[in-house]
Amino acid sequence: LLSQLVAAAWPYAAAAHSGEEHAWE
């Protein structure tokens, strides 16, 4: 349920967070 909200906010938040180093593992 929280992930749904982050997915909806991601177009706005991606610029600040997409460069963070995370992997699915």
mmCIF file of all heavy atoms, coordinates in Angstrom:
data_MODEL
# 
_entry.id   MODEL 
# 
loop_
_atom_site.group_PDB 
_atom_site.id 
_atom_site.type_symbol 
_atom_site.label_atom_id 
_atom_site.label_alt_id 
_atom_site.label_comp_id 
_atom_site.label_asym_id 
_atom_site.label_entity_id 
_atom_site.label_seq_id 
_atom_site.pdbx_PDB_ins_code 
_atom_site.Cartn_x 
_atom_site.Cartn_y 
_atom_site.Cartn_z 
_atom_site.occupancy 
_atom_site.B_iso_or_equiv 
_atom_site.pdbx_formal_charge 
_atom_site.auth_seq_id 
_atom_site.auth_comp_id 
_atom_site.auth_asym_id 
_atom_site.auth_atom_id 
_atom_site.pdbx_PDB_model_num 
ATOM 1   N N   . LEU A 1 1  ? 0.832  -1.204 0.000   1.00 0.00 ? 1  LEU A N   1 
ATOM 2   C CA  . LEU A 1 1  ? 0.000  0.000  0.000   1.00 0.00 ? 1  LEU A CA  1 
ATOM 3   C C   . LEU A 1 1  ? 0.871  1.261  0.000   1.00 0.00 ? 1  LEU A C   1 
ATOM 4   O O   . LEU A 1 1  ? 0.568  2.235  -0.699  1.00 0.00 ? 1  LEU A O   1 
ATOM 5   C CB  . LEU A 1 1  ? -0.936 -0.006 1.209   1.00 0.00 ? 1  LEU A CB  1 
ATOM 6   C CG  . LEU A 1 1  ? -2.117 -0.964 1.096   1.00 0.00 ? 1  LEU A CG  1 
ATOM 7   C CD1 . LEU A 1 1  ? -2.808 -1.116 2.448   1.00 0.00 ? 1  LEU A CD1 1 
ATOM 8   C CD2 . LEU A 1 1  ? -3.103 -0.481 0.049   1.00 0.00 ? 1  LEU A CD2 1 
ATOM 9   N N   . LEU A 1 2  ? 1.958  1.240  0.759   1.00 0.00 ? 2  LEU A N   1 
ATOM 10  C CA  . LEU A 1 2  ? 2.859  2.389  0.747   1.00 0.00 ? 2  LEU A CA  1 
ATOM 11  C C   . LEU A 1 2  ? 3.650  2.439  -0.551  1.00 0.00 ? 2  LEU A C   1 
ATOM 12  O O   . LEU A 1 2  ? 3.904  3.518  -1.099  1.00 0.00 ? 2  LEU A O   1 
ATOM 13  C CB  . LEU A 1 2  ? 3.804  2.330  1.949   1.00 0.00 ? 2  LEU A CB  1 
ATOM 14  C CG  . LEU A 1 2  ? 4.754  3.516  2.112   1.00 0.00 ? 2  LEU A CG  1 
ATOM 15  C CD1 . LEU A 1 2  ? 3.975  4.836  2.185   1.00 0.00 ? 2  LEU A CD1 1 
ATOM 16  C CD2 . LEU A 1 2  ? 5.613  3.348  3.355   1.00 0.00 ? 2  LEU A CD2 1 
ATOM 17  N N   . SER A 1 3  ? 4.018  1.273  -1.071  1.00 0.00 ? 3  SER A N   1 
ATOM 18  C CA  . SER A 1 3  ? 4.752  1.236  -2.336  1.00 0.00 ? 3  SER A CA  1 
ATOM 19  C C   . SER A 1 3  ? 3.931  1.828  -3.475  1.00 0.00 ? 3  SER A C   1 
ATOM 20  O O   . SER A 1 3  ? 4.477  2.470  -4.381  1.00 0.00 ? 3  SER A O   1 
ATOM 21  C CB  . SER A 1 3  ? 5.148  -0.207 -2.669  1.00 0.00 ? 3  SER A CB  1 
ATOM 22  O OG  . SER A 1 3  ? 6.020  -0.731 -1.688  1.00 0.00 ? 3  SER A OG  1 
ATOM 23  N N   . GLN A 1 4  ? 2.617  1.623  -3.443  1.00 0.00 ? 4  GLN A N   1 
ATOM 24  C CA  . GLN A 1 4  ? 1.742  2.227  -4.451  1.00 0.00 ? 4  GLN A CA  1 
ATOM 25  C C   . GLN A 1 4  ? 1.864  3.746  -4.441  1.00 0.00 ? 4  GLN A C   1 
ATOM 26  O O   . GLN A 1 4  ? 1.916  4.395  -5.493  1.00 0.00 ? 4  GLN A O   1 
ATOM 27  C CB  . GLN A 1 4  ? 0.284  1.837  -4.187  1.00 0.00 ? 4  GLN A CB  1 
ATOM 28  C CG  . GLN A 1 4  ? -0.073 0.403  -4.480  1.00 0.00 ? 4  GLN A CG  1 
ATOM 29  C CD  . GLN A 1 4  ? -1.493 0.073  -4.058  1.00 0.00 ? 4  GLN A CD  1 
ATOM 30  O OE1 . GLN A 1 4  ? -2.238 0.936  -3.589  1.00 0.00 ? 4  GLN A OE1 1 
ATOM 31  N NE2 . GLN A 1 4  ? -1.871 -1.183 -4.197  1.00 0.00 ? 4  GLN A NE2 1 
ATOM 32  N N   . LEU A 1 5  ? 1.907  4.316  -3.251  1.00 0.00 ? 5  LEU A N   1 
ATOM 33  C CA  . LEU A 1 5  ? 2.005  5.769  -3.135  1.00 0.00 ? 5  LEU A CA  1 
ATOM 34  C C   . LEU A 1 5  ? 3.353  6.271  -3.645  1.00 0.00 ? 5  LEU A C   1 
ATOM 35  O O   . LEU A 1 5  ? 3.434  7.306  -4.312  1.00 0.00 ? 5  LEU A O   1 
ATOM 36  C CB  . LEU A 1 5  ? 1.813  6.189  -1.676  1.00 0.00 ? 5  LEU A CB  1 
ATOM 37  C CG  . LEU A 1 5  ? 0.443  5.896  -1.062  1.00 0.00 ? 5  LEU A CG  1 
ATOM 38  C CD1 . LEU A 1 5  ? 0.400  6.381  0.382   1.00 0.00 ? 5  LEU A CD1 1 
ATOM 39  C CD2 . LEU A 1 5  ? -0.673 6.547  -1.870  1.00 0.00 ? 5  LEU A CD2 1 
ATOM 40  N N   . VAL A 1 6  ? 4.415  5.537  -3.335  1.00 0.00 ? 6  VAL A N   1 
ATOM 41  C CA  . VAL A 1 6  ? 5.736  5.941  -3.816  1.00 0.00 ? 6  VAL A CA  1 
ATOM 42  C C   . VAL A 1 6  ? 5.805  5.828  -5.335  1.00 0.00 ? 6  VAL A C   1 
ATOM 43  O O   . VAL A 1 6  ? 6.396  6.680  -6.001  1.00 0.00 ? 6  VAL A O   1 
ATOM 44  C CB  . VAL A 1 6  ? 6.834  5.095  -3.149  1.00 0.00 ? 6  VAL A CB  1 
ATOM 45  C CG1 . VAL A 1 6  ? 8.199  5.381  -3.774  1.00 0.00 ? 6  VAL A CG1 1 
ATOM 46  C CG2 . VAL A 1 6  ? 6.878  5.388  -1.657  1.00 0.00 ? 6  VAL A CG2 1 
ATOM 47  N N   . ALA A 1 7  ? 5.193  4.801  -5.890  1.00 0.00 ? 7  ALA A N   1 
ATOM 48  C CA  . ALA A 1 7  ? 5.160  4.666  -7.350  1.00 0.00 ? 7  ALA A CA  1 
ATOM 49  C C   . ALA A 1 7  ? 4.461  5.863  -7.985  1.00 0.00 ? 7  ALA A C   1 
ATOM 50  O O   . ALA A 1 7  ? 4.899  6.385  -9.020  1.00 0.00 ? 7  ALA A O   1 
ATOM 51  C CB  . ALA A 1 7  ? 4.448  3.368  -7.744  1.00 0.00 ? 7  ALA A CB  1 
ATOM 52  N N   . ALA A 1 8  ? 3.379  6.320  -7.360  1.00 0.00 ? 8  ALA A N   1 
ATOM 53  C CA  . ALA A 1 8  ? 2.659  7.481  -7.881  1.00 0.00 ? 8  ALA A CA  1 
ATOM 54  C C   . ALA A 1 8  ? 3.479  8.760  -7.738  1.00 0.00 ? 8  ALA A C   1 
ATOM 55  O O   . ALA A 1 8  ? 3.394  9.669  -8.573  1.00 0.00 ? 8  ALA A O   1 
ATOM 56  C CB  . ALA A 1 8  ? 1.321  7.628  -7.157  1.00 0.00 ? 8  ALA A CB  1 
ATOM 57  N N   . ALA A 1 9  ? 4.291  8.838  -6.682  1.00 0.00 ? 9  ALA A N   1 
ATOM 58  C CA  . ALA A 1 9  ? 5.105  10.032 -6.449  1.00 0.00 ? 9  ALA A CA  1 
ATOM 59  C C   . ALA A 1 9  ? 6.436  9.989  -7.185  1.00 0.00 ? 9  ALA A C   1 
ATOM 60  O O   . ALA A 1 9  ? 7.114  11.020 -7.292  1.00 0.00 ? 9  ALA A O   1 
ATOM 61  C CB  . ALA A 1 9  ? 5.360  10.193 -4.944  1.00 0.00 ? 9  ALA A CB  1 
ATOM 62  N N   . TRP A 1 10 ? 6.829  8.825  -7.695  1.00 0.00 ? 10 TRP A N   1 
ATOM 63  C CA  . TRP A 1 10 ? 8.158  8.662  -8.274  1.00 0.00 ? 10 TRP A CA  1 
ATOM 64  C C   . TRP A 1 10 ? 8.472  9.644  -9.413  1.00 0.00 ? 10 TRP A C   1 
ATOM 65  O O   . TRP A 1 10 ? 9.613  10.130 -9.498  1.00 0.00 ? 10 TRP A O   1 
ATOM 66  C CB  . TRP A 1 10 ? 8.359  7.228  -8.725  1.00 0.00 ? 10 TRP A CB  1 
ATOM 67  C CG  . TRP A 1 10 ? 9.771  6.915  -9.118  1.00 0.00 ? 10 TRP A CG  1 
ATOM 68  C CD1 . TRP A 1 10 ? 10.232 6.533  -10.339 1.00 0.00 ? 10 TRP A CD1 1 
ATOM 69  C CD2 . TRP A 1 10 ? 10.932 6.954  -8.274  1.00 0.00 ? 10 TRP A CD2 1 
ATOM 70  N NE1 . TRP A 1 10 ? 11.585 6.332  -10.322 1.00 0.00 ? 10 TRP A NE1 1 
ATOM 71  C CE2 . TRP A 1 10 ? 12.045 6.583  -9.058  1.00 0.00 ? 10 TRP A CE2 1 
ATOM 72  C CE3 . TRP A 1 10 ? 11.134 7.274  -6.922  1.00 0.00 ? 10 TRP A CE3 1 
ATOM 73  C CZ2 . TRP A 1 10 ? 13.342 6.526  -8.544  1.00 0.00 ? 10 TRP A CZ2 1 
ATOM 74  C CZ3 . TRP A 1 10 ? 12.417 7.223  -6.413  1.00 0.00 ? 10 TRP A CZ3 1 
ATOM 75  C CH2 . TRP A 1 10 ? 13.503 6.857  -7.212  1.00 0.00 ? 10 TRP A CH2 1 
ATOM 76  N N   . PRO A 1 11 ? 7.517  9.970  -10.300 1.00 0.00 ? 11 PRO A N   1 
ATOM 77  C CA  . PRO A 1 11 ? 7.839  10.963 -11.338 1.00 0.00 ? 11 PRO A CA  1 
ATOM 78  C C   . PRO A 1 11 ? 8.326  12.289 -10.763 1.00 0.00 ? 11 PRO A C   1 
ATOM 79  O O   . PRO A 1 11 ? 9.098  13.003 -11.410 1.00 0.00 ? 11 PRO A O   1 
ATOM 80  C CB  . PRO A 1 11 ? 6.511  11.130 -12.078 1.00 0.00 ? 11 PRO A CB  1 
ATOM 81  C CG  . PRO A 1 11 ? 5.812  9.825  -11.897 1.00 0.00 ? 11 PRO A CG  1 
ATOM 82  C CD  . PRO A 1 11 ? 6.164  9.407  -10.500 1.00 0.00 ? 11 PRO A CD  1 
ATOM 83  N N   . TYR A 1 12 ? 7.882  12.631 -9.553  1.00 0.00 ? 12 TYR A N   1 
ATOM 84  C CA  . TYR A 1 12 ? 8.318  13.865 -8.899  1.00 0.00 ? 12 TYR A CA  1 
ATOM 85  C C   . TYR A 1 12 ? 9.606  13.639 -8.098  1.00 0.00 ? 12 TYR A C   1 
ATOM 86  O O   . TYR A 1 12 ? 10.460 14.517 -8.007  1.00 0.00 ? 12 TYR A O   1 
ATOM 87  C CB  . TYR A 1 12 ? 7.239  14.386 -7.955  1.00 0.00 ? 12 TYR A CB  1 
ATOM 88  C CG  . TYR A 1 12 ? 5.905  14.624 -8.622  1.00 0.00 ? 12 TYR A CG  1 
ATOM 89  C CD1 . TYR A 1 12 ? 4.940  13.612 -8.678  1.00 0.00 ? 12 TYR A CD1 1 
ATOM 90  C CD2 . TYR A 1 12 ? 5.600  15.851 -9.189  1.00 0.00 ? 12 TYR A CD2 1 
ATOM 91  C CE1 . TYR A 1 12 ? 3.716  13.825 -9.287  1.00 0.00 ? 12 TYR A CE1 1 
ATOM 92  C CE2 . TYR A 1 12 ? 4.373  16.073 -9.809  1.00 0.00 ? 12 TYR A CE2 1 
ATOM 93  C CZ  . TYR A 1 12 ? 3.444  15.044 -9.851  1.00 0.00 ? 12 TYR A CZ  1 
ATOM 94  O OH  . TYR A 1 12 ? 2.232  15.256 -10.469 1.00 0.00 ? 12 TYR A OH  1 
ATOM 95  N N   . ALA A 1 13 ? 9.727  12.471 -7.506  1.00 0.00 ? 13 ALA A N   1 
ATOM 96  C CA  . ALA A 1 13 ? 10.837 12.203 -6.589  1.00 0.00 ? 13 ALA A CA  1 
ATOM 97  C C   . ALA A 1 13 ? 12.073 11.648 -7.286  1.00 0.00 ? 13 ALA A C   1 
ATOM 98  O O   . ALA A 1 13 ? 13.169 11.686 -6.712  1.00 0.00 ? 13 ALA A O   1 
ATOM 99  C CB  . ALA A 1 13 ? 10.381 11.219 -5.509  1.00 0.00 ? 13 ALA A CB  1 
ATOM 100 N N   . ALA A 1 14 ? 11.929 11.131 -8.491  1.00 0.00 ? 14 ALA A N   1 
ATOM 101 C CA  . ALA A 1 14 ? 13.024 10.420 -9.154  1.00 0.00 ? 14 ALA A CA  1 
ATOM 102 C C   . ALA A 1 14 ? 14.272 11.266 -9.310  1.00 0.00 ? 14 ALA A C   1 
ATOM 103 O O   . ALA A 1 14 ? 15.395 10.768 -9.138  1.00 0.00 ? 14 ALA A O   1 
ATOM 104 C CB  . ALA A 1 14 ? 12.563 9.907  -10.516 1.00 0.00 ? 14 ALA A CB  1 
ATOM 105 N N   . ALA A 1 15 ? 14.101 12.539 -9.636  1.00 0.00 ? 15 ALA A N   1 
ATOM 106 C CA  . ALA A 1 15 ? 15.270 13.394 -9.876  1.00 0.00 ? 15 ALA A CA  1 
ATOM 107 C C   . ALA A 1 15 ? 16.188 13.446 -8.665  1.00 0.00 ? 15 ALA A C   1 
ATOM 108 O O   . ALA A 1 15 ? 17.414 13.480 -8.798  1.00 0.00 ? 15 ALA A O   1 
ATOM 109 C CB  . ALA A 1 15 ? 14.808 14.802 -10.252 1.00 0.00 ? 15 ALA A CB  1 
ATOM 110 N N   . ALA A 1 16 ? 15.599 13.429 -7.490  1.00 0.00 ? 16 ALA A N   1 
ATOM 111 C CA  . ALA A 1 16 ? 16.395 13.528 -6.265  1.00 0.00 ? 16 ALA A CA  1 
ATOM 112 C C   . ALA A 1 16 ? 16.905 12.175 -5.778  1.00 0.00 ? 16 ALA A C   1 
ATOM 113 O O   . ALA A 1 16 ? 17.862 12.120 -4.993  1.00 0.00 ? 16 ALA A O   1 
ATOM 114 C CB  . ALA A 1 16 ? 15.578 14.192 -5.160  1.00 0.00 ? 16 ALA A CB  1 
ATOM 115 N N   . HIS A 1 17 ? 16.282 11.075 -6.219  1.00 0.00 ? 17 HIS A N   1 
ATOM 116 C CA  . HIS A 1 17 ? 16.604 9.774  -5.635  1.00 0.00 ? 17 HIS A CA  1 
ATOM 117 C C   . HIS A 1 17 ? 17.069 8.715  -6.629  1.00 0.00 ? 17 HIS A C   1 
ATOM 118 O O   . HIS A 1 17 ? 17.577 7.673  -6.203  1.00 0.00 ? 17 HIS A O   1 
ATOM 119 C CB  . HIS A 1 17 ? 15.375 9.233  -4.888  1.00 0.00 ? 17 HIS A CB  1 
ATOM 120 C CG  . HIS A 1 17 ? 14.919 10.108 -3.763  1.00 0.00 ? 17 HIS A CG  1 
ATOM 121 N ND1 . HIS A 1 17 ? 15.524 10.103 -2.524  1.00 0.00 ? 17 HIS A ND1 1 
ATOM 122 C CD2 . HIS A 1 17 ? 13.918 11.040 -3.691  1.00 0.00 ? 17 HIS A CD2 1 
ATOM 123 C CE1 . HIS A 1 17 ? 14.911 10.981 -1.738  1.00 0.00 ? 17 HIS A CE1 1 
ATOM 124 N NE2 . HIS A 1 17 ? 13.946 11.565 -2.422  1.00 0.00 ? 17 HIS A NE2 1 
ATOM 125 N N   . SER A 1 18 ? 16.899 8.935  -7.928  1.00 0.00 ? 18 SER A N   1 
ATOM 126 C CA  . SER A 1 18 ? 17.216 7.874  -8.889  1.00 0.00 ? 18 SER A CA  1 
ATOM 127 C C   . SER A 1 18 ? 18.705 7.560  -8.960  1.00 0.00 ? 18 SER A C   1 
ATOM 128 O O   . SER A 1 18 ? 19.098 6.479  -9.399  1.00 0.00 ? 18 SER A O   1 
ATOM 129 C CB  . SER A 1 18 ? 16.708 8.256  -10.286 1.00 0.00 ? 18 SER A CB  1 
ATOM 130 O OG  . SER A 1 18 ? 17.284 9.482  -10.706 1.00 0.00 ? 18 SER A OG  1 
ATOM 131 N N   . GLY A 1 19 ? 19.554 8.485  -8.529  1.00 0.00 ? 19 GLY A N   1 
ATOM 132 C CA  . GLY A 1 19 ? 20.983 8.238  -8.560  1.00 0.00 ? 19 GLY A CA  1 
ATOM 133 C C   . GLY A 1 19 ? 21.506 7.438  -7.378  1.00 0.00 ? 19 GLY A C   1 
ATOM 134 O O   . GLY A 1 19 ? 22.692 7.094  -7.331  1.00 0.00 ? 19 GLY A O   1 
ATOM 135 N N   . GLU A 1 20 ? 20.663 7.132  -6.428  1.00 0.00 ? 20 GLU A N   1 
ATOM 136 C CA  . GLU A 1 20 ? 21.092 6.373  -5.254  1.00 0.00 ? 20 GLU A CA  1 
ATOM 137 C C   . GLU A 1 20 ? 21.427 4.936  -5.650  1.00 0.00 ? 20 GLU A C   1 
ATOM 138 O O   . GLU A 1 20 ? 20.795 4.353  -6.514  1.00 0.00 ? 20 GLU A O   1 
ATOM 139 C CB  . GLU A 1 20 ? 19.992 6.404  -4.193  1.00 0.00 ? 20 GLU A CB  1 
ATOM 140 C CG  . GLU A 1 20 ? 19.702 7.813  -3.680  1.00 0.00 ? 20 GLU A CG  1 
ATOM 141 C CD  . GLU A 1 20 ? 18.500 7.879  -2.763  1.00 0.00 ? 20 GLU A CD  1 
ATOM 142 O OE1 . GLU A 1 20 ? 17.941 6.804  -2.454  1.00 0.00 ? 20 GLU A OE1 1 
ATOM 143 O OE2 . GLU A 1 20 ? 18.133 8.987  -2.358  1.00 0.00 ? 20 GLU A OE2 1 
ATOM 144 N N   . GLU A 1 21 ? 22.432 4.384  -5.011  1.00 0.00 ? 21 GLU A N   1 
ATOM 145 C CA  . GLU A 1 21 ? 22.914 3.059  -5.381  1.00 0.00 ? 21 GLU A CA  1 
ATOM 146 C C   . GLU A 1 21 ? 22.141 1.970  -4.645  1.00 0.00 ? 21 GLU A C   1 
ATOM 147 O O   . GLU A 1 21 ? 22.390 1.682  -3.471  1.00 0.00 ? 21 GLU A O   1 
ATOM 148 C CB  . GLU A 1 21 ? 24.412 2.950  -5.076  1.00 0.00 ? 21 GLU A CB  1 
ATOM 149 C CG  . GLU A 1 21 ? 25.270 3.874  -5.931  1.00 0.00 ? 21 GLU A CG  1 
ATOM 150 C CD  . GLU A 1 21 ? 26.758 3.664  -5.681  1.00 0.00 ? 21 GLU A CD  1 
ATOM 151 O OE1 . GLU A 1 21 ? 27.096 2.732  -4.914  1.00 0.00 ? 21 GLU A OE1 1 
ATOM 152 O OE2 . GLU A 1 21 ? 27.550 4.426  -6.249  1.00 0.00 ? 21 GLU A OE2 1 
ATOM 153 N N   . HIS A 1 22 ? 21.198 1.383  -5.351  1.00 0.00 ? 22 HIS A N   1 
ATOM 154 C CA  . HIS A 1 22 ? 20.426 0.258  -4.811  1.00 0.00 ? 22 HIS A CA  1 
ATOM 155 C C   . HIS A 1 22 ? 20.260 -0.771 -5.913  1.00 0.00 ? 22 HIS A C   1 
ATOM 156 O O   . HIS A 1 22 ? 20.166 -0.428 -7.095  1.00 0.00 ? 22 HIS A O   1 
ATOM 157 C CB  . HIS A 1 22 ? 19.050 0.717  -4.320  1.00 0.00 ? 22 HIS A CB  1 
ATOM 158 C CG  . HIS A 1 22 ? 19.096 1.649  -3.149  1.00 0.00 ? 22 HIS A CG  1 
ATOM 159 N ND1 . HIS A 1 22 ? 19.382 1.220  -1.876  1.00 0.00 ? 22 HIS A ND1 1 
ATOM 160 C CD2 . HIS A 1 22 ? 18.916 2.991  -3.076  1.00 0.00 ? 22 HIS A CD2 1 
ATOM 161 C CE1 . HIS A 1 22 ? 19.361 2.265  -1.056  1.00 0.00 ? 22 HIS A CE1 1 
ATOM 162 N NE2 . HIS A 1 22 ? 19.093 3.346  -1.755  1.00 0.00 ? 22 HIS A NE2 1 
ATOM 163 N N   . ALA A 1 23 ? 20.218 -2.029 -5.527  1.00 0.00 ? 23 ALA A N   1 
ATOM 164 C CA  . ALA A 1 23 ? 19.982 -3.128 -6.454  1.00 0.00 ? 23 ALA A CA  1 
ATOM 165 C C   . ALA A 1 23 ? 18.882 -4.009 -5.891  1.00 0.00 ? 23 ALA A C   1 
ATOM 166 O O   . ALA A 1 23 ? 18.634 -4.008 -4.681  1.00 0.00 ? 23 ALA A O   1 
ATOM 167 C CB  . ALA A 1 23 ? 21.264 -3.935 -6.661  1.00 0.00 ? 23 ALA A CB  1 
ATOM 168 N N   . TRP A 1 24 ? 18.224 -4.775 -6.752  1.00 0.00 ? 24 TRP A N   1 
ATOM 169 C CA  . TRP A 1 24 ? 17.141 -5.629 -6.277  1.00 0.00 ? 24 TRP A CA  1 
ATOM 170 C C   . TRP A 1 24 ? 17.646 -6.639 -5.257  1.00 0.00 ? 24 TRP A C   1 
ATOM 171 O O   . TRP A 1 24 ? 16.895 -7.075 -4.384  1.00 0.00 ? 24 TRP A O   1 
ATOM 172 C CB  . TRP A 1 24 ? 16.479 -6.347 -7.455  1.00 0.00 ? 24 TRP A CB  1 
ATOM 173 C CG  . TRP A 1 24 ? 15.718 -5.418 -8.351  1.00 0.00 ? 24 TRP A CG  1 
ATOM 174 C CD1 . TRP A 1 24 ? 15.939 -5.165 -9.665  1.00 0.00 ? 24 TRP A CD1 1 
ATOM 175 C CD2 . TRP A 1 24 ? 14.597 -4.598 -7.980  1.00 0.00 ? 24 TRP A CD2 1 
ATOM 176 N NE1 . TRP A 1 24 ? 15.033 -4.243 -10.145 1.00 0.00 ? 24 TRP A NE1 1 
ATOM 177 C CE2 . TRP A 1 24 ? 14.198 -3.879 -9.141  1.00 0.00 ? 24 TRP A CE2 1 
ATOM 178 C CE3 . TRP A 1 24 ? 13.895 -4.396 -6.791  1.00 0.00 ? 24 TRP A CE3 1 
ATOM 179 C CZ2 . TRP A 1 24 ? 13.133 -2.981 -9.117  1.00 0.00 ? 24 TRP A CZ2 1 
ATOM 180 C CZ3 . TRP A 1 24 ? 12.834 -3.509 -6.766  1.00 0.00 ? 24 TRP A CZ3 1 
ATOM 181 C CH2 . TRP A 1 24 ? 12.461 -2.816 -7.930  1.00 0.00 ? 24 TRP A CH2 1 
ATOM 182 N N   . GLU A 1 25 ? 18.931 -6.994 -5.346  1.00 0.00 ? 25 GLU A N   1 
ATOM 183 C CA  . GLU A 1 25 ? 19.493 -7.957 -4.383  1.00 0.00 ? 25 GLU A CA  1 
ATOM 184 C C   . GLU A 1 25 ? 19.563 -7.399 -2.971  1.00 0.00 ? 25 GLU A C   1 
ATOM 185 O O   . GLU A 1 25 ? 19.798 -8.142 -2.019  1.00 0.00 ? 25 GLU A O   1 
ATOM 186 C CB  . GLU A 1 25 ? 20.897 -8.378 -4.842  1.00 0.00 ? 25 GLU A CB  1 
ATOM 187 C CG  . GLU A 1 25 ? 20.939 -9.209 -6.107  1.00 0.00 ? 25 GLU A CG  1 
ATOM 188 C CD  . GLU A 1 25 ? 20.685 -8.389 -7.376  1.00 0.00 ? 25 GLU A CD  1 
ATOM 189 O OE1 . GLU A 1 25 ? 20.838 -7.138 -7.309  1.00 0.00 ? 25 GLU A OE1 1 
ATOM 190 O OE2 . GLU A 1 25 ? 20.327 -8.983 -8.400  1.00 0.00 ? 25 GLU A OE2 1 
# 
